[in-house]
Amino acid sequence: VGGQEEVIGVIRDAIELPLVYPELYEKFGKRPLKGILLYGPPGCGKTLIGKATAYNLTKEYNERTGENVKEYFMYINGPKILNMWLGESERQVREIFSTAREKAKEGYLVFIFIDEAESILRTRNSGRFTNISNTVVPQFCAEMDGLVSSENIVVMLTSNRPDYIDPAILRPERIDRRVRVKRPDRKAAREILAIYVNENIPLAAEELAKHDNDPARTAQSLVDATIAYLWRKDGETEFLDVFQRNGGTQRLYWKDLVSGALLSSLVERAKDFAIKRAIEAKQFDNAGITEADLQKAVTMEYKENEIFPKSDAVEDWLMLLDQAPENVADVKPIRAATRGQGSAKAPTGVI
């Protein structure tokens, strides 16, 4: 998982090691964690980290024990569990844990992965689905309390808004550990982009000519140029002003809202530009991506990408900000019409 080595290390310590070395943890009187919460902005790899954890843990477990155990990964989309029919959501929660126990008895290492957990485990007496959360949360807590370490069941939750999750869920011996999945910094973003822009994708002849027709060097140059373009701090890349409760203001730029999903998406856009150009020119043999394609794709991502709210409502933006919600008083998107004009002078406390 590109750029998330620190997070993976924390998860390894919290989940993998206790299950792979149970005798050592028993010697120190420590019990394996029952559950873990991955939280952070969308598109930054929380689901991928969960799947990678399941695969790696099973692999290490087999190497350690000499067995041939398989993982059973249960992906649960939180919002899809919501059901207005009385008792239906609770029934689905019971069914999830029942299935997990059955698979554990069959010898599987079971991972219950609940995406967007705040949608079903929301703080009771709050939000739109108050009646549902008032009954689902106790049911989930009861199921967690019923888990024992010998069952080899790990519960993983993800959330863009962990502050919405009921505190009873996050107490010790239920969801014991919280791990923050941050947006990629420049180094991590480069690593991620290099996964998608490499010598195996079609590269334009004019780009190859700049690097002695070496695809690997050409791809590396395109990655470096795209990251440099994305990491600029100027009038074009101003994106959002965040007003904090302590009176400070931060101006966010394109680079501050980068995610792995966005990087993947911009490469797909660049491919579309290259394909369309080849069709219009009726020249297919030398069709390939250019530096200009990638730069245009970056710009279009921030103008059109559906992950960015269309409104100025604080609640709509909070799940995208890599900041504590309680510290944010207001947000103000910098519209294209004003970008580089009245907003050109950054507020005090600019990052």
Protein backbone atom coordinates (compact mmCIF):
# COMPACT_ATOMS: atom_id res chain seq x y z
CA VAL A 1 0.00 0.00 0.00
CA GLY A 2 1.87 3.03 -1.27
CA GLY A 3 2.95 5.57 1.32
CA GLN A 4 1.28 3.89 4.31
CA GLU A 5 4.22 1.98 5.79
CA GLU A 6 3.80 3.60 9.22
CA VAL A 7 0.11 2.66 9.39
CA ILE A 8 0.83 -0.90 8.28
CA GLY A 9 3.50 -1.16 10.98
CA VAL A 10 1.02 -0.11 13.67
CA ILE A 11 -1.55 -2.62 12.43
CA ARG A 12 1.07 -5.34 12.34
CA ASP A 13 1.96 -4.68 15.98
CA ALA A 14 -1.69 -4.48 17.02
CA ILE A 15 -3.21 -7.42 15.13
CA GLU A 16 -0.70 -9.64 13.37
CA LEU A 17 1.89 -10.21 16.10
CA PRO A 18 -0.55 -11.33 18.85
CA LEU A 19 -2.10 -13.93 16.52
CA VAL A 20 1.17 -15.14 15.05
CA TYR A 21 2.95 -15.33 18.43
CA PRO A 22 0.14 -16.19 20.91
CA GLU A 23 2.42 -18.02 23.37
CA LEU A 24 4.61 -14.93 23.82
CA TYR A 25 1.64 -12.66 24.44
CA GLU A 26 0.18 -15.20 26.86
CA LYS A 27 3.47 -15.20 28.76
CA PHE A 28 3.12 -11.45 29.31
CA GLY A 29 -0.57 -11.71 30.13
CA LYS A 30 -1.64 -9.75 27.06
CA ARG A 31 -4.72 -10.62 25.06
CA PRO A 32 -5.02 -10.08 21.30
CA LEU A 33 -6.99 -7.02 20.26
CA LYS A 34 -10.54 -7.72 19.19
CA GLY A 35 -10.88 -4.79 16.85
CA ILE A 36 -9.25 -1.81 15.22
CA LEU A 37 -10.52 1.42 13.66
CA LEU A 38 -8.90 2.89 10.55
CA TYR A 39 -9.93 6.50 10.14
CA GLY A 40 -9.02 9.32 7.79
CA PRO A 41 -10.03 11.02 4.53
CA PRO A 42 -11.64 8.94 1.76
CA GLY A 43 -9.55 7.50 -1.04
CA CYS A 44 -6.39 7.06 1.06
CA GLY A 45 -6.29 3.26 1.15
CA LYS A 46 -8.20 2.17 4.26
CA THR A 47 -9.96 -0.69 2.46
CA LEU A 48 -6.77 -1.75 0.68
CA ILE A 49 -4.91 -1.75 4.00
CA GLY A 50 -7.60 -3.99 5.49
CA LYS A 51 -7.34 -6.51 2.66
CA ALA A 52 -3.53 -6.43 2.76
CA THR A 53 -3.62 -7.07 6.51
CA ALA A 54 -5.83 -10.13 6.03
CA TYR A 55 -3.54 -11.54 3.35
CA ASN A 56 -0.26 -10.85 5.16
CA LEU A 57 -1.49 -12.10 8.52
CA THR A 58 -2.66 -15.39 7.04
CA LYS A 59 0.62 -15.81 5.17
CA GLU A 60 2.72 -15.19 8.30
CA TYR A 61 0.45 -17.39 10.40
CA ASN A 62 0.93 -20.29 8.00
CA GLU A 63 4.71 -19.80 7.87
CA ARG A 64 4.86 -19.68 11.66
CA THR A 65 2.63 -22.70 12.35
CA GLY A 66 3.31 -24.78 9.25
CA GLU A 67 -0.44 -24.98 8.63
CA ASN A 68 -2.40 -24.07 5.52
CA VAL A 69 -5.05 -21.77 6.94
CA LYS A 70 -6.99 -19.49 4.59
CA GLU A 71 -8.33 -16.04 5.32
CA TYR A 72 -12.04 -15.27 5.15
CA PHE A 73 -12.52 -11.56 4.43
CA MET A 74 -16.03 -10.27 5.07
CA TYR A 75 -16.45 -6.85 3.45
CA ILE A 76 -19.48 -5.07 4.89
CA ASN A 77 -20.73 -1.81 3.39
CA GLY A 78 -22.07 0.04 6.44
CA PRO A 79 -24.81 2.11 4.74
CA LYS A 80 -26.28 -1.02 3.13
CA ILE A 81 -27.04 -2.49 6.55
CA LEU A 82 -29.33 0.41 7.39
CA ASN A 83 -32.92 -0.75 7.13
CA MET A 84 -35.98 1.08 8.34
CA TRP A 85 -37.81 -2.20 9.04
CA LEU A 86 -37.89 -2.85 12.76
CA GLY A 87 -35.14 -5.25 13.84
CA GLU A 88 -33.71 -5.87 10.35
CA SER A 89 -30.41 -4.04 10.86
CA GLU A 90 -29.84 -5.82 14.19
CA ARG A 91 -30.57 -9.16 12.50
CA GLN A 92 -27.93 -8.44 9.87
CA VAL A 93 -25.36 -7.61 12.58
CA ARG A 94 -26.11 -10.93 14.32
CA GLU A 95 -25.83 -12.76 11.02
CA ILE A 96 -22.43 -11.21 10.27
CA PHE A 97 -20.94 -12.39 13.56
CA SER A 98 -22.67 -15.78 13.30
CA THR A 99 -21.12 -16.35 9.88
CA ALA A 100 -17.73 -15.25 11.22
CA ARG A 101 -17.91 -17.77 14.06
CA GLU A 102 -18.92 -20.58 11.71
CA LYS A 103 -15.99 -19.85 9.40
CA ALA A 104 -13.61 -19.62 12.36
CA LYS A 105 -14.75 -23.08 13.50
CA GLU A 106 -13.98 -24.35 10.00
CA GLY A 107 -10.39 -23.20 10.49
CA TYR A 108 -10.38 -19.86 8.70
CA LEU A 109 -8.78 -16.66 9.95
CA VAL A 110 -11.79 -14.35 9.79
CA PHE A 111 -11.74 -10.62 9.18
CA ILE A 112 -14.95 -8.62 9.59
CA PHE A 113 -14.33 -5.39 7.70
CA ILE A 114 -17.05 -2.75 8.10
CA ASP A 115 -16.66 0.24 5.78
CA GLU A 116 -18.20 3.62 6.69
CA ALA A 117 -18.87 2.33 10.20
CA GLU A 118 -20.24 5.68 11.36
CA SER A 119 -23.33 5.05 9.24
CA ILE A 120 -24.52 2.14 11.42
CA LEU A 121 -22.65 2.69 14.69
CA ARG A 122 -23.47 6.35 15.09
CA THR A 123 -23.65 7.91 18.55
CA ARG A 124 -27.06 7.08 19.96
CA ASN A 125 -29.77 9.76 20.03
CA SER A 126 -28.09 11.66 17.21
CA GLY A 127 -28.45 11.87 13.47
CA ARG A 128 -31.07 10.86 10.98
CA PHE A 129 -31.32 7.19 11.94
CA THR A 130 -31.59 7.66 15.70
CA ASN A 131 -33.97 4.75 16.28
CA ILE A 132 -31.77 2.36 14.32
CA SER A 133 -28.51 3.34 16.05
CA ASN A 134 -30.21 3.05 19.44
CA THR A 135 -30.69 -0.67 18.82
CA VAL A 136 -27.82 -1.55 16.43
CA VAL A 137 -25.08 -0.16 18.71
CA PRO A 138 -26.07 -2.35 21.71
CA GLN A 139 -26.36 -5.37 19.41
CA PHE A 140 -22.88 -4.75 17.99
CA CYS A 141 -21.44 -4.26 21.48
CA ALA A 142 -22.99 -7.53 22.63
CA GLU A 143 -21.48 -9.39 19.67
CA MET A 144 -18.05 -7.86 20.33
CA ASP A 145 -18.27 -8.82 24.00
CA GLY A 146 -19.05 -12.38 22.94
CA LEU A 147 -15.84 -12.76 20.94
CA VAL A 148 -13.02 -14.72 22.53
CA SER A 149 -9.38 -14.66 21.47
CA SER A 150 -9.34 -18.34 20.53
CA GLU A 151 -11.86 -17.74 17.74
CA ASN A 152 -9.31 -16.01 15.45
CA ILE A 153 -11.77 -13.29 14.47
CA VAL A 154 -10.58 -9.73 13.88
CA VAL A 155 -12.98 -6.80 13.50
CA MET A 156 -11.82 -3.82 11.44
CA LEU A 157 -13.84 -0.62 11.05
CA THR A 158 -13.20 2.31 8.73
CA SER A 159 -14.57 5.81 9.03
CA ASN A 160 -14.16 9.27 7.55
CA ARG A 161 -15.79 10.71 10.68
CA PRO A 162 -14.74 8.72 13.77
CA ASP A 163 -16.25 11.43 15.99
CA TYR A 164 -19.68 10.19 14.87
CA ILE A 165 -19.12 6.64 16.20
CA ASP A 166 -20.73 5.84 19.54
CA PRO A 167 -18.13 5.90 22.37
CA ALA A 168 -19.34 2.50 23.58
CA ILE A 169 -17.97 0.96 20.38
CA LEU A 170 -14.52 2.46 20.85
CA ARG A 171 -13.94 1.45 24.45
CA PRO A 172 -11.18 -1.02 25.43
CA GLU A 173 -11.85 -4.73 24.73
CA ARG A 174 -14.11 -3.83 21.80
CA ILE A 175 -12.41 -1.60 19.26
CA ASP A 176 -9.16 -1.32 21.17
CA ARG A 177 -6.97 0.62 18.76
CA ARG A 178 -7.51 3.61 16.49
CA VAL A 179 -5.14 4.17 13.58
CA ARG A 180 -5.11 7.35 11.54
CA VAL A 181 -4.63 6.91 7.79
CA LYS A 182 -3.21 10.19 6.52
CA ARG A 183 -3.17 11.70 3.08
CA PRO A 184 0.05 10.96 1.18
CA ASP A 185 2.88 13.47 1.42
CA ARG A 186 4.97 14.34 -1.64
CA LYS A 187 7.22 11.28 -1.34
CA ALA A 188 4.29 8.90 -0.84
CA ALA A 189 2.32 10.51 -3.67
CA ARG A 190 5.26 9.96 -6.00
CA GLU A 191 5.43 6.28 -4.99
CA ILE A 192 1.72 5.86 -5.64
CA LEU A 193 1.77 7.67 -9.00
CA ALA A 194 4.74 5.55 -10.11
CA ILE A 195 2.55 2.46 -9.71
CA TYR A 196 0.21 3.78 -12.41
CA VAL A 197 2.70 5.63 -14.65
CA ASN A 198 5.38 3.12 -15.60
CA GLU A 199 7.23 1.72 -18.60
CA ASN A 200 4.38 -0.71 -19.34
CA ILE A 201 1.80 1.91 -20.32
CA PRO A 202 1.80 3.62 -23.75
CA LEU A 203 4.10 6.66 -23.66
CA ALA A 204 4.09 9.31 -26.38
CA ALA A 205 6.93 9.18 -28.91
CA GLU A 206 7.90 12.79 -28.20
CA GLU A 207 8.27 12.01 -24.50
CA LEU A 208 10.36 8.91 -25.20
CA ALA A 209 12.61 10.91 -27.53
CA LYS A 210 13.56 13.20 -24.62
CA HIS A 211 15.03 10.20 -22.78
CA ASP A 212 16.80 8.18 -25.52
CA ASN A 213 13.65 6.09 -26.03
CA ASP A 214 14.04 4.57 -22.57
CA PRO A 215 10.50 3.82 -21.27
CA ALA A 216 11.57 3.51 -17.61
CA ARG A 217 13.37 6.87 -17.58
CA THR A 218 10.50 8.48 -19.48
CA ALA A 219 7.92 7.21 -17.01
CA GLN A 220 10.05 8.41 -14.09
CA SER A 221 10.33 11.86 -15.66
CA LEU A 222 6.57 12.05 -16.20
CA VAL A 223 5.94 11.10 -12.58
CA ASP A 224 8.38 13.73 -11.30
CA ALA A 225 6.91 16.43 -13.54
CA THR A 226 3.34 15.59 -12.53
CA ILE A 227 4.13 15.65 -8.81
CA ALA A 228 5.93 18.99 -9.22
CA TYR A 229 2.89 20.36 -11.06
CA LEU A 230 0.55 19.05 -8.38
CA TRP A 231 2.64 20.35 -5.46
CA ARG A 232 2.75 23.98 -6.62
CA LYS A 233 1.50 26.66 -4.24
CA ASP A 234 0.15 29.47 -6.40
CA GLY A 235 -3.07 31.17 -7.40
CA GLU A 236 -4.17 28.28 -9.62
CA THR A 237 -3.80 25.61 -6.95
CA GLU A 238 -5.51 27.47 -4.09
CA PHE A 239 -8.48 25.33 -3.13
CA LEU A 240 -9.94 25.86 0.34
CA ASP A 241 -9.72 28.17 3.34
CA VAL A 242 -10.21 26.50 6.72
CA PHE A 243 -11.19 28.75 9.63
CA GLN A 244 -10.25 27.24 12.98
CA ARG A 245 -11.92 27.74 16.32
CA ASN A 246 -8.74 29.20 17.81
CA GLY A 247 -8.98 32.09 15.33
CA GLY A 248 -6.36 30.83 12.90
CA THR A 249 -6.89 30.25 9.19
CA GLN A 250 -5.24 27.75 6.89
CA ARG A 251 -5.23 27.88 3.13
CA LEU A 252 -5.23 24.47 1.50
CA TYR A 253 -3.85 23.79 -1.96
CA TRP A 254 -4.25 20.91 -4.39
CA LYS A 255 -1.44 19.03 -2.65
CA ASP A 256 -3.31 19.11 0.66
CA LEU A 257 -6.22 17.10 -0.77
CA VAL A 258 -4.27 14.45 -2.66
CA SER A 259 -5.32 10.81 -2.25
CA GLY A 260 -4.38 7.52 -3.81
CA ALA A 261 -7.80 7.38 -5.47
CA LEU A 262 -7.30 10.81 -7.01
CA LEU A 263 -3.87 9.86 -8.39
CA SER A 264 -5.30 6.72 -9.96
CA SER A 265 -8.19 8.68 -11.44
CA LEU A 266 -6.00 11.37 -13.00
CA VAL A 267 -3.93 8.72 -14.81
CA GLU A 268 -7.12 7.25 -16.26
CA ARG A 269 -8.11 10.73 -17.46
CA ALA A 270 -4.70 11.17 -19.09
CA LYS A 271 -5.17 7.86 -20.92
CA ASP A 272 -8.55 9.10 -22.19
CA PHE A 273 -6.91 12.25 -23.57
CA ALA A 274 -4.24 10.18 -25.35
CA ILE A 275 -6.82 7.78 -26.82
CA LYS A 276 -9.01 10.60 -28.11
CA ARG A 277 -6.01 12.34 -29.69
CA ALA A 278 -4.96 9.12 -31.44
CA ILE A 279 -8.48 8.57 -32.80
CA GLU A 280 -8.74 12.13 -34.10
CA ALA A 281 -5.30 11.91 -35.76
CA LYS A 282 -5.89 8.33 -36.94
CA GLN A 283 -2.40 7.48 -35.67
CA PHE A 284 -2.58 4.49 -33.37
CA ASP A 285 0.96 3.08 -33.51
CA ASN A 286 2.64 5.96 -31.68
CA ALA A 287 -0.25 6.76 -29.35
CA GLY A 288 0.82 7.46 -25.81
CA ILE A 289 0.53 9.69 -22.76
CA THR A 290 2.29 13.05 -22.64
CA GLU A 291 3.30 15.33 -19.79
CA ALA A 292 0.59 17.74 -20.96
CA ASP A 293 -2.03 14.96 -20.69
CA LEU A 294 -1.13 14.36 -17.06
CA GLN A 295 -1.11 18.06 -16.19
CA LYS A 296 -4.48 18.59 -17.86
CA ALA A 297 -5.81 15.56 -15.97
CA VAL A 298 -4.64 17.02 -12.65
CA THR A 299 -6.46 20.28 -13.35
CA MET A 300 -9.64 18.48 -14.40
CA GLU A 301 -9.61 16.31 -11.27
CA TYR A 302 -9.80 19.35 -9.02
CA LYS A 303 -12.41 21.05 -11.19
CA GLU A 304 -14.71 18.08 -11.71
CA ASN A 305 -13.91 15.30 -9.24
CA GLU A 306 -17.09 14.14 -7.53
CA ILE A 307 -15.37 13.52 -4.19
CA PHE A 308 -15.30 17.26 -3.56
CA PRO A 309 -18.55 18.74 -2.20
CA LYS A 310 -20.44 21.21 -4.37
CA SER A 311 -21.61 23.24 -1.38
CA ASP A 312 -19.86 25.37 1.25
CA ALA A 313 -21.43 23.39 4.12
CA VAL A 314 -18.86 22.59 6.80
CA GLU A 315 -20.29 19.10 7.40
CA ASP A 316 -19.82 18.21 3.73
CA TRP A 317 -16.13 19.15 3.83
CA LEU A 318 -15.13 17.81 7.24
CA MET A 319 -14.81 14.20 6.11
CA LEU A 320 -12.23 15.30 3.51
CA LEU A 321 -10.07 17.35 5.84
CA ASP A 322 -7.14 15.72 7.57
CA GLN A 323 -7.95 17.74 10.69
CA ALA A 324 -9.88 17.20 13.91
CA PRO A 325 -13.52 18.21 13.22
CA GLU A 326 -13.86 19.86 16.62
CA ASN A 327 -11.11 22.34 15.67
CA VAL A 328 -12.82 23.55 12.48
CA ALA A 329 -15.29 26.45 12.68
CA ASP A 330 -15.91 27.07 8.98
CA VAL A 331 -14.61 26.37 5.48
CA LYS A 332 -14.69 28.43 2.31
CA PRO A 333 -13.90 26.85 -1.07
CA ILE A 334 -11.90 29.14 -3.34
CA ARG A 335 -13.94 29.31 -6.53
CA ALA A 336 -12.38 29.54 -9.98
CA ALA A 337 -13.80 33.04 -10.46
CA THR A 338 -11.89 34.40 -7.44
CA ARG A 339 -8.86 32.13 -7.54
CA GLY A 340 -5.70 34.19 -7.79
CA GLN A 341 -7.57 37.48 -7.33
CA GLY A 342 -9.03 38.56 -4.02
CA SER A 343 -7.90 35.29 -2.46
CA ALA A 344 -4.33 35.58 -3.68
CA LYS A 345 -3.11 36.96 -0.37
CA ALA A 346 -3.05 34.03 2.01
CA PRO A 347 -4.61 34.45 5.46
CA THR A 348 -2.57 34.47 8.64
CA GLY A 349 -1.34 31.00 9.55
CA VAL A 350 -1.14 29.77 5.95
CA ILE A 351 0.32 26.31 5.47
